[in-house]
Amino acid sequence: MWDALTQSFSKLKYDLNDNDLILRFRSDIKINSKKLHLNLDNVKNNTLYIPDCYHWNGYNDQVFLSKVKTLNKFSNFFEFVNNNTIKRNLNE
């Protein structure tokens, strides 16, 4: 799933400004609330807004809101992990 998100983001990120907002929302989820309590003028940098629902004892990967510049940092997540972890031989 993460790979699909990063591929989609890479196709549109150059058409957006750093402070534009991205709302990731699965289309098969029904929202029970008629009113979302979001103040879009106060979205902070380096923050993913994730609701406390649809997480099933883990992190919610169904819905999030963030700025483009924050998602730019996450889009290279796997590269970051590979470059910043100690590689060990599992046979040792």
PDB file of N, CA and C in Angstrom:
ATOM      1  N   MET A   1       0.806  -1.175   0.000  1.00  0.00           N
ATOM      2  CA  MET A   1       0.000   0.000   0.000  1.00  0.00           C
ATOM      3  C   MET A   1       0.866   1.262   0.000  1.00  0.00           C
ATOM      4  N   TRP A   2       1.908   1.280   0.827  1.00  0.00           N
ATOM      5  CA  TRP A   2       2.757   2.473   0.905  1.00  0.00           C
ATOM      6  C   TRP A   2       3.399   2.768  -0.442  1.00  0.00           C
ATOM      7  N   ASP A   3       3.809   1.732  -1.149  1.00  0.00           N
ATOM      8  CA  ASP A   3       4.436   1.930  -2.448  1.00  0.00           C
ATOM      9  C   ASP A   3       3.457   2.592  -3.421  1.00  0.00           C
ATOM     10  N   ALA A   4       2.199   2.186  -3.404  1.00  0.00           N
ATOM     11  CA  ALA A   4       1.192   2.793  -4.277  1.00  0.00           C
ATOM     12  C   ALA A   4       0.989   4.267  -3.926  1.00  0.00           C
ATOM     13  N   LEU A   5       0.982   4.580  -2.645  1.00  0.00           N
ATOM     14  CA  LEU A   5       0.835   5.976  -2.225  1.00  0.00           C
ATOM     15  C   LEU A   5       2.005   6.831  -2.698  1.00  0.00           C
ATOM     16  N   THR A   6       3.216   6.330  -2.518  1.00  0.00           N
ATOM     17  CA  THR A   6       4.386   7.117  -2.913  1.00  0.00           C
ATOM     18  C   THR A   6       4.473   7.263  -4.434  1.00  0.00           C
ATOM     19  N   GLN A   7       4.074   6.240  -5.176  1.00  0.00           N
ATOM     20  CA  GLN A   7       4.066   6.356  -6.635  1.00  0.00           C
ATOM     21  C   GLN A   7       3.052   7.393  -7.093  1.00  0.00           C
ATOM     22  N   SER A   8       1.875   7.393  -6.485  1.00  0.00           N
ATOM     23  CA  SER A   8       0.855   8.394  -6.828  1.00  0.00           C
ATOM     24  C   SER A   8       1.344   9.794  -6.496  1.00  0.00           C
ATOM     25  N   PHE A   9       1.922   9.938  -5.314  1.00  0.00           N
ATOM     26  CA  PHE A   9       2.414  11.244  -4.882  1.00  0.00           C
ATOM     27  C   PHE A   9       3.514  11.755  -5.809  1.00  0.00           C
ATOM     28  N   SER A  10       4.390  10.866  -6.246  1.00  0.00           N
ATOM     29  CA  SER A  10       5.495  11.292  -7.114  1.00  0.00           C
ATOM     30  C   SER A  10       4.998  11.820  -8.453  1.00  0.00           C
ATOM     31  N   LYS A  11       3.826  11.389  -8.903  1.00  0.00           N
ATOM     32  CA  LYS A  11       3.286  11.849 -10.181  1.00  0.00           C
ATOM     33  C   LYS A  11       2.660  13.235 -10.102  1.00  0.00           C
ATOM     34  N   LEU A  12       2.248  13.655  -8.908  1.00  0.00           N
ATOM     35  CA  LEU A  12       1.573  14.945  -8.817  1.00  0.00           C
ATOM     36  C   LEU A  12       2.301  15.986  -7.976  1.00  0.00           C
ATOM     37  N   LYS A  13       3.346  15.612  -7.275  1.00  0.00           N
ATOM     38  CA  LYS A  13       3.965  16.551  -6.334  1.00  0.00           C
ATOM     39  C   LYS A  13       4.573  17.781  -7.003  1.00  0.00           C
ATOM     40  N   TYR A  14       4.988  17.689  -8.262  1.00  0.00           N
ATOM     41  CA  TYR A  14       5.589  18.844  -8.916  1.00  0.00           C
ATOM     42  C   TYR A  14       4.547  19.857  -9.384  1.00  0.00           C
ATOM     43  N   ASP A  15       3.282  19.468  -9.351  1.00  0.00           N
ATOM     44  CA  ASP A  15       2.195  20.379  -9.707  1.00  0.00           C
ATOM     45  C   ASP A  15       1.623  21.086  -8.487  1.00  0.00           C
ATOM     46  N   LEU A  16       2.199  20.838  -7.326  1.00  0.00           N
ATOM     47  CA  LEU A  16       1.675  21.379  -6.070  1.00  0.00           C
ATOM     48  C   LEU A  16       2.705  22.263  -5.383  1.00  0.00           C
ATOM     49  N   ASN A  17       2.231  23.153  -4.542  1.00  0.00           N
ATOM     50  CA  ASN A  17       3.113  23.968  -3.710  1.00  0.00           C
ATOM     51  C   ASN A  17       3.382  23.238  -2.407  1.00  0.00           C
ATOM     52  N   ASP A  18       4.476  23.569  -1.734  1.00  0.00           N
ATOM     53  CA  ASP A  18       4.838  22.912  -0.478  1.00  0.00           C
ATOM     54  C   ASP A  18       3.754  23.001   0.582  1.00  0.00           C
ATOM     55  N   ASN A  19       3.014  24.092   0.597  1.00  0.00           N
ATOM     56  CA  ASN A  19       1.990  24.266   1.629  1.00  0.00           C
ATOM     57  C   ASN A  19       0.604  23.801   1.203  1.00  0.00           C
ATOM     58  N   ASP A  20       0.472  23.252   0.005  1.00  0.00           N
ATOM     59  CA  ASP A  20      -0.796  22.641  -0.384  1.00  0.00           C
ATOM     60  C   ASP A  20      -1.043  21.431   0.511  1.00  0.00           C
ATOM     61  N   LEU A  21      -2.301  21.048   0.625  1.00  0.00           N
ATOM     62  CA  LEU A  21      -2.673  19.943   1.500  1.00  0.00           C
ATOM     63  C   LEU A  21      -3.051  18.714   0.691  1.00  0.00           C
ATOM     64  N   ILE A  22      -2.713  17.567   1.249  1.00  0.00           N
ATOM     65  CA  ILE A  22      -3.098  16.280   0.668  1.00  0.00           C
ATOM     66  C   ILE A  22      -3.980  15.574   1.685  1.00  0.00           C
ATOM     67  N   LEU A  23      -5.144  15.137   1.234  1.00  0.00           N
ATOM     68  CA  LEU A  23      -6.027  14.321   2.053  1.00  0.00           C
ATOM     69  C   LEU A  23      -6.081  12.953   1.405  1.00  0.00           C
ATOM     70  N   ARG A  24      -5.576  11.959   2.094  1.00  0.00           N
ATOM     71  CA  ARG A  24      -5.606  10.584   1.608  1.00  0.00           C
ATOM     72  C   ARG A  24      -6.815   9.938   2.250  1.00  0.00           C
ATOM     73  N   PHE A  25      -7.690   9.415   1.415  1.00  0.00           N
ATOM     74  CA  PHE A  25      -8.946   8.895   1.918  1.00  0.00           C
ATOM     75  C   PHE A  25      -9.365   7.721   1.055  1.00  0.00           C
ATOM     76  N   ARG A  26      -9.512   6.555   1.662  1.00  0.00           N
ATOM     77  CA  ARG A  26      -9.992   5.401   0.901  1.00  0.00           C
ATOM     78  C   ARG A  26     -11.454   5.600   0.550  1.00  0.00           C
ATOM     79  N   SER A  27     -11.787   5.377  -0.680  1.00  0.00           N
ATOM     80  CA  SER A  27     -13.150   5.645  -1.156  1.00  0.00           C
ATOM     81  C   SER A  27     -14.170   4.626  -0.670  1.00  0.00           C
ATOM     82  N   ASP A  28     -13.713   3.519  -0.101  1.00  0.00           N
ATOM     83  CA  ASP A  28     -14.664   2.509   0.371  1.00  0.00           C
ATOM     84  C   ASP A  28     -14.985   2.646   1.864  1.00  0.00           C
ATOM     85  N   ILE A  29     -14.545   3.740   2.486  1.00  0.00           N
ATOM     86  CA  ILE A  29     -14.808   3.966   3.906  1.00  0.00           C
ATOM     87  C   ILE A  29     -15.966   4.937   4.057  1.00  0.00           C
ATOM     88  N   LYS A  30     -16.887   4.592   4.908  1.00  0.00           N
ATOM     89  CA  LYS A  30     -18.019   5.469   5.190  1.00  0.00           C
ATOM     90  C   LYS A  30     -17.717   6.250   6.463  1.00  0.00           C
ATOM     91  N   ILE A  31     -17.802   7.556   6.376  1.00  0.00           N
ATOM     92  CA  ILE A  31     -17.599   8.412   7.534  1.00  0.00           C
ATOM     93  C   ILE A  31     -18.945   8.597   8.232  1.00  0.00           C
ATOM     94  N   ASN A  32     -18.989   8.283   9.519  1.00  0.00           N
ATOM     95  CA  ASN A  32     -20.234   8.392  10.264  1.00  0.00           C
ATOM     96  C   ASN A  32     -20.535   9.813  10.712  1.00  0.00           C
ATOM     97  N   SER A  33     -19.519  10.639  10.795  1.00  0.00           N
ATOM     98  CA  SER A  33     -19.714  12.009  11.250  1.00  0.00           C
ATOM     99  C   SER A  33     -20.110  12.896  10.077  1.00  0.00           C
ATOM    100  N   LYS A  34     -21.062  13.779  10.293  1.00  0.00           N
ATOM    101  CA  LYS A  34     -21.458  14.719   9.251  1.00  0.00           C
ATOM    102  C   LYS A  34     -20.581  15.955   9.269  1.00  0.00           C
ATOM    103  N   LYS A  35     -19.805  16.108  10.307  1.00  0.00           N
ATOM    104  CA  LYS A  35     -18.980  17.305  10.436  1.00  0.00           C
ATOM    105  C   LYS A  35     -17.561  16.894  10.828  1.00  0.00           C
ATOM    106  N   LEU A  36     -16.621  17.229   9.995  1.00  0.00           N
ATOM    107  CA  LEU A  36     -15.219  16.985  10.317  1.00  0.00           C
ATOM    108  C   LEU A  36     -14.665  18.249  10.960  1.00  0.00           C
ATOM    109  N   HIS A  37     -14.048  18.120  12.087  1.00  0.00           N
ATOM    110  CA  HIS A  37     -13.538  19.270  12.830  1.00  0.00           C
ATOM    111  C   HIS A  37     -12.100  19.556  12.404  1.00  0.00           C
ATOM    112  N   LEU A  38     -11.958  20.182  11.247  1.00  0.00           N
ATOM    113  CA  LEU A  38     -10.639  20.490  10.718  1.00  0.00           C
ATOM    114  C   LEU A  38     -10.535  21.985  10.456  1.00  0.00           C
ATOM    115  N   ASN A  39      -9.466  22.569  10.947  1.00  0.00           N
ATOM    116  CA  ASN A  39      -9.150  23.949  10.601  1.00  0.00           C
ATOM    117  C   ASN A  39      -7.962  23.880   9.651  1.00  0.00           C
ATOM    118  N   LEU A  40      -8.231  23.967   8.386  1.00  0.00           N
ATOM    119  CA  LEU A  40      -7.191  23.770   7.377  1.00  0.00           C
ATOM    120  C   LEU A  40      -6.168  24.896   7.344  1.00  0.00           C
ATOM    121  N   ASP A  41      -6.448  25.996   8.012  1.00  0.00           N
ATOM    122  CA  ASP A  41      -5.481  27.096   8.081  1.00  0.00           C
ATOM    123  C   ASP A  41      -4.385  26.826   9.108  1.00  0.00           C
ATOM    124  N   ASN A  42      -4.577  25.837   9.962  1.00  0.00           N
ATOM    125  CA  ASN A  42      -3.623  25.568  11.043  1.00  0.00           C
ATOM    126  C   ASN A  42      -2.923  24.221  10.914  1.00  0.00           C
ATOM    127  N   VAL A  43      -2.822  23.693   9.723  1.00  0.00           N
ATOM    128  CA  VAL A  43      -2.118  22.425   9.527  1.00  0.00           C
ATOM    129  C   VAL A  43      -0.624  22.681   9.711  1.00  0.00           C
ATOM    130  N   LYS A  44      -0.017  21.945  10.623  1.00  0.00           N
ATOM    131  CA  LYS A  44       1.395  22.160  10.969  1.00  0.00           C
ATOM    132  C   LYS A  44       2.322  21.410  10.022  1.00  0.00           C
ATOM    133  N   ASN A  45       3.541  21.942   9.891  1.00  0.00           N
ATOM    134  CA  ASN A  45       4.589  21.247   9.140  1.00  0.00           C
ATOM    135  C   ASN A  45       5.008  19.993   9.896  1.00  0.00           C
ATOM    136  N   ASN A  46       5.515  19.028   9.168  1.00  0.00           N
ATOM    137  CA  ASN A  46       6.050  17.792   9.740  1.00  0.00           C
ATOM    138  C   ASN A  46       5.022  17.024  10.557  1.00  0.00           C
ATOM    139  N   THR A  47       3.766  17.118  10.173  1.00  0.00           N
ATOM    140  CA  THR A  47       2.703  16.459  10.919  1.00  0.00           C
ATOM    141  C   THR A  47       1.772  15.724   9.969  1.00  0.00           C
ATOM    142  N   LEU A  48       1.470  14.476  10.307  1.00  0.00           N
ATOM    143  CA  LEU A  48       0.419  13.727   9.632  1.00  0.00           C
ATOM    144  C   LEU A  48      -0.766  13.704  10.575  1.00  0.00           C
ATOM    145  N   TYR A  49      -1.896  14.163  10.126  1.00  0.00           N
ATOM    146  CA  TYR A  49      -3.118  14.131  10.939  1.00  0.00           C
ATOM    147  C   TYR A  49      -3.840  12.827  10.626  1.00  0.00           C
ATOM    148  N   ILE A  50      -3.966  11.985  11.641  1.00  0.00           N
ATOM    149  CA  ILE A  50      -4.560  10.665  11.496  1.00  0.00           C
ATOM    150  C   ILE A  50      -5.670  10.538  12.526  1.00  0.00           C
ATOM    151  N   PRO A  51      -6.899  10.274  12.102  1.00  0.00           N
ATOM    152  CA  PRO A  51      -7.988  10.158  13.068  1.00  0.00           C
ATOM    153  C   PRO A  51      -7.874   8.884  13.903  1.00  0.00           C
ATOM    154  N   ASP A  52      -8.471   8.926  15.053  1.00  0.00           N
ATOM    155  CA  ASP A  52      -8.455   7.765  15.940  1.00  0.00           C
ATOM    156  C   ASP A  52      -9.619   6.837  15.585  1.00  0.00           C
ATOM    157  N   CYS A  53      -9.559   6.297  14.388  1.00  0.00           N
ATOM    158  CA  CYS A  53     -10.546   5.323  13.928  1.00  0.00           C
ATOM    159  C   CYS A  53      -9.905   4.535  12.785  1.00  0.00           C
ATOM    160  N   TYR A  54     -10.510   3.457  12.401  1.00  0.00           N
ATOM    161  CA  TYR A  54     -10.013   2.606  11.308  1.00  0.00           C
ATOM    162  C   TYR A  54      -8.592   2.103  11.546  1.00  0.00           C
ATOM    163  N   HIS A  55      -8.213   1.885  12.789  1.00  0.00           N
ATOM    164  CA  HIS A  55      -6.840   1.451  13.044  1.00  0.00           C
ATOM    165  C   HIS A  55      -6.729  -0.013  13.442  1.00  0.00           C
ATOM    166  N   TRP A  56      -7.775  -0.614  13.935  1.00  0.00           N
ATOM    167  CA  TRP A  56      -7.793  -2.028  14.265  1.00  0.00           C
ATOM    168  C   TRP A  56      -6.518  -2.477  14.989  1.00  0.00           C
ATOM    169  N   ASN A  57      -6.230  -1.806  16.108  1.00  0.00           N
ATOM    170  CA  ASN A  57      -5.099  -2.117  16.991  1.00  0.00           C
ATOM    171  C   ASN A  57      -3.737  -1.840  16.363  1.00  0.00           C
ATOM    172  N   GLY A  58      -3.678  -0.914  15.468  1.00  0.00           N
ATOM    173  CA  GLY A  58      -2.421  -0.487  14.853  1.00  0.00           C
ATOM    174  C   GLY A  58      -2.585   0.956  14.443  1.00  0.00           C
ATOM    175  N   TYR A  59      -1.756   1.419  13.541  1.00  0.00           N
ATOM    176  CA  TYR A  59      -1.914   2.784  13.031  1.00  0.00           C
ATOM    177  C   TYR A  59      -2.904   2.796  11.875  1.00  0.00           C
ATOM    178  N   ASN A  60      -3.690   3.836  11.817  1.00  0.00           N
ATOM    179  CA  ASN A  60      -4.653   4.023  10.740  1.00  0.00           C
ATOM    180  C   ASN A  60      -3.897   4.293   9.446  1.00  0.00           C
ATOM    181  N   ASP A  61      -4.146   3.497   8.441  1.00  0.00           N
ATOM    182  CA  ASP A  61      -3.528   3.746   7.134  1.00  0.00           C
ATOM    183  C   ASP A  61      -4.589   4.034   6.079  1.00  0.00           C
ATOM    184  N   GLN A  62      -5.790   4.365   6.531  1.00  0.00           N
ATOM    185  CA  GLN A  62      -6.905   4.589   5.622  1.00  0.00           C
ATOM    186  C   GLN A  62      -7.116   6.073   5.294  1.00  0.00           C
ATOM    187  N   VAL A  63      -6.872   6.938   6.288  1.00  0.00           N
ATOM    188  CA  VAL A  63      -7.175   8.357   6.155  1.00  0.00           C
ATOM    189  C   VAL A  63      -6.041   9.165   6.776  1.00  0.00           C
ATOM    190  N   PHE A  64      -5.570  10.188   6.087  1.00  0.00           N
ATOM    191  CA  PHE A  64      -4.646  11.138   6.706  1.00  0.00           C
ATOM    192  C   PHE A  64      -4.680  12.454   5.958  1.00  0.00           C
ATOM    193  N   LEU A  65      -4.207  13.491   6.622  1.00  0.00           N
ATOM    194  CA  LEU A  65      -4.107  14.835   6.049  1.00  0.00           C
ATOM    195  C   LEU A  65      -2.719  15.358   6.364  1.00  0.00           C
ATOM    196  N   SER A  66      -2.091  16.014   5.389  1.00  0.00           N
ATOM    197  CA  SER A  66      -0.765  16.574   5.621  1.00  0.00           C
ATOM    198  C   SER A  66      -0.439  17.584   4.529  1.00  0.00           C
ATOM    199  N   LYS A  67       0.618  18.351   4.768  1.00  0.00           N
ATOM    200  CA  LYS A  67       1.135  19.269   3.750  1.00  0.00           C
ATOM    201  C   LYS A  67       2.019  18.506   2.769  1.00  0.00           C
ATOM    202  N   VAL A  68       2.121  19.048   1.568  1.00  0.00           N
ATOM    203  CA  VAL A  68       2.952  18.435   0.536  1.00  0.00           C
ATOM    204  C   VAL A  68       4.396  18.314   0.998  1.00  0.00           C
ATOM    205  N   LYS A  69       4.929  19.359   1.640  1.00  0.00           N
ATOM    206  CA  LYS A  69       6.347  19.301   2.051  1.00  0.00           C
ATOM    207  C   LYS A  69       6.593  18.214   3.093  1.00  0.00           C
ATOM    208  N   THR A  70       5.589  17.895   3.898  1.00  0.00           N
ATOM    209  CA  THR A  70       5.726  16.791   4.857  1.00  0.00           C
ATOM    210  C   THR A  70       5.729  15.465   4.120  1.00  0.00           C
ATOM    211  N   LEU A  71       4.851  15.314   3.160  1.00  0.00           N
ATOM    212  CA  LEU A  71       4.805  14.058   2.404  1.00  0.00           C
ATOM    213  C   LEU A  71       6.056  13.863   1.560  1.00  0.00           C
ATOM    214  N   ASN A  72       6.699  14.946   1.148  1.00  0.00           N
ATOM    215  CA  ASN A  72       7.972  14.807   0.440  1.00  0.00           C
ATOM    216  C   ASN A  72       8.984  14.064   1.294  1.00  0.00           C
ATOM    217  N   LYS A  73       8.974  14.328   2.586  1.00  0.00           N
ATOM    218  CA  LYS A  73       9.902  13.645   3.485  1.00  0.00           C
ATOM    219  C   LYS A  73       9.562  12.162   3.600  1.00  0.00           C
ATOM    220  N   PHE A  74       8.268  11.854   3.674  1.00  0.00           N
ATOM    221  CA  PHE A  74       7.847  10.463   3.794  1.00  0.00           C
ATOM    222  C   PHE A  74       7.966   9.689   2.498  1.00  0.00           C
ATOM    223  N   SER A  75       7.944  10.377   1.380  1.00  0.00           N
ATOM    224  CA  SER A  75       7.954   9.670   0.105  1.00  0.00           C
ATOM    225  C   SER A  75       9.246   8.891  -0.108  1.00  0.00           C
ATOM    226  N   ASN A  76      10.302   9.299   0.537  1.00  0.00           N
ATOM    227  CA  ASN A  76      11.571   8.577   0.443  1.00  0.00           C
ATOM    228  C   ASN A  76      11.841   7.742   1.692  1.00  0.00           C
ATOM    229  N   PHE A  77      10.779   7.323   2.361  1.00  0.00           N
ATOM    230  CA  PHE A  77      10.898   6.614   3.633  1.00  0.00           C
ATOM    231  C   PHE A  77      11.747   5.353   3.533  1.00  0.00           C
ATOM    232  N   PHE A  78      11.449   4.497   2.555  1.00  0.00           N
ATOM    233  CA  PHE A  78      12.180   3.247   2.461  1.00  0.00           C
ATOM    234  C   PHE A  78      13.649   3.477   2.120  1.00  0.00           C
ATOM    235  N   GLU A  79      13.914   4.461   1.285  1.00  0.00           N
ATOM    236  CA  GLU A  79      15.300   4.812   0.991  1.00  0.00           C
ATOM    237  C   GLU A  79      15.999   5.303   2.259  1.00  0.00           C
ATOM    238  N   PHE A  80      15.307   6.122   3.045  1.00  0.00           N
ATOM    239  CA  PHE A  80      15.850   6.610   4.311  1.00  0.00           C
ATOM    240  C   PHE A  80      16.172   5.448   5.248  1.00  0.00           C
ATOM    241  N   VAL A  81      15.246   4.517   5.384  1.00  0.00           N
ATOM    242  CA  VAL A  81      15.466   3.370   6.271  1.00  0.00           C
ATOM    243  C   VAL A  81      16.666   2.559   5.796  1.00  0.00           C
ATOM    244  N   ASN A  82      16.742   2.296   4.510  1.00  0.00           N
ATOM    245  CA  ASN A  82      17.857   1.512   3.978  1.00  0.00           C
ATOM    246  C   ASN A  82      19.187   2.213   4.184  1.00  0.00           C
ATOM    247  N   ASN A  83      19.203   3.520   4.073  1.00  0.00           N
ATOM    248  CA  ASN A  83      20.447   4.274   4.208  1.00  0.00           C
ATOM    249  C   ASN A  83      20.843   4.518   5.662  1.00  0.00           C
ATOM    250  N   ASN A  84      19.926   4.347   6.585  1.00  0.00           N
ATOM    251  CA  ASN A  84      20.204   4.697   7.976  1.00  0.00           C
ATOM    252  C   ASN A  84      20.064   3.543   8.958  1.00  0.00           C
ATOM    253  N   THR A  85      20.098   2.340   8.455  1.00  0.00           N
ATOM    254  CA  THR A  85      20.081   1.171   9.332  1.00  0.00           C
ATOM    255  C   THR A  85      21.366   0.387   9.128  1.00  0.00           C
ATOM    256  N   ILE A  86      21.760  -0.296  10.148  1.00  0.00           N
ATOM    257  CA  ILE A  86      22.971  -1.121  10.084  1.00  0.00           C
ATOM    258  C   ILE A  86      22.613  -2.430   9.396  1.00  0.00           C
ATOM    259  N   LYS A  87      23.332  -2.713   8.349  1.00  0.00           N
ATOM    260  CA  LYS A  87      23.094  -3.974   7.634  1.00  0.00           C
ATOM    261  C   LYS A  87      23.981  -5.041   8.261  1.00  0.00           C
ATOM    262  N   ARG A  88      23.336  -6.122   8.664  1.00  0.00           N
ATOM    263  CA  ARG A  88      24.076  -7.231   9.289  1.00  0.00           C
ATOM    264  C   ARG A  88      23.872  -8.493   8.493  1.00  0.00           C
ATOM    265  N   ASN A  89      24.852  -9.333   8.571  1.00  0.00           N
ATOM    266  CA  ASN A  89      24.729 -10.647   7.971  1.00  0.00           C
ATOM    267  C   ASN A  89      23.889 -11.500   8.912  1.00  0.00           C
ATOM    268  N   LEU A  90      22.764 -12.016   8.456  1.00  0.00           N
ATOM    269  CA  LEU A  90      21.876 -12.783   9.316  1.00  0.00           C
ATOM    270  C   LEU A  90      22.446 -14.150   9.693  1.00  0.00           C
ATOM    271  N   ASN A  91      23.510 -14.567   9.031  1.00  0.00           N
ATOM    272  CA  ASN A  91      24.125 -15.856   9.337  1.00  0.00           C
ATOM    273  C   ASN A  91      25.111 -15.781  10.485  1.00  0.00           C
ATOM    274  N   GLU A  92      25.382 -14.590  10.993  1.00  0.00           N
ATOM    275  CA  GLU A  92      26.359 -14.448  12.089  1.00  0.00           C
ATOM    276  C   GLU A  92      25.795 -14.939  13.391  1.00  0.00           C
TER     277      GLU A  92
END
